[in-house]
Amino acid sequence: MAHKTIASAFVKAQQAFGPALKTSTNPHFRSKYADLAVCIEAVIDALHQNGIALMQHTHPCDDGVIVETIFLHESGEQLSAGVLHVPAPKHDPQGYGSALTYARRYSLLSAAGIATESDDDGNAASKKKQLPVYTDDQLAANVEAWTEALRDGKTTTDKIIAMISSKYTLTDNQKKTIKDMAE
């Protein structure tokens, strides 16, 4: 099925999408987020002005919810954004309801190609733990042993740097000192 009409209308609608403002507060994490209503408000007027209806279908699932966001054009053409599975945190009405709201929100944001304002969920989730700084005293205490291991061919400076960097933050000067041990 051709999607020429809906594709053109969707591009026009997307140009008019508003921001999904983080106006709600999560009391458990004390963080702001854009709730489902705000996400819908960010896109619904632009969609309607371009002859597009927003639908979100649910699909059977035993351990959570599956949501499919579909854009239906007045011409009869439609675009599906695929399905999104979200496990239910608890297998009770509140757990499934929470998963459904979450799935609808993120499916819509993804399908519409918008992010919440100053969206840092991914950054927070992937942020590396701050490692302690490796002190010059710690470096000095190990230089002799490492120099010996380098001479014996038991290790390389890159391996020493990688070993320390897995537990500590090394300065550029400390890395240079370790590299210089090989000379």
Foldseek 3Di string as FASTA:
>chain_A
DDDVLVVVLLVQQLVQFAAQEFDDADVVVRDTDRFLVSLCVRRVVSLVVSQKDWDWDWDDDDFETKIWIKIAGPVRDIDILDIDGDGFPDPDPVSRVVRVRVRSNVNSCVVSVHDHVVDCPVVVVPPDDAAAADDVVNLVVCLVVLLVCLVVVVDALVVVVVVCVVHHDYDPVSSVVSNVSND
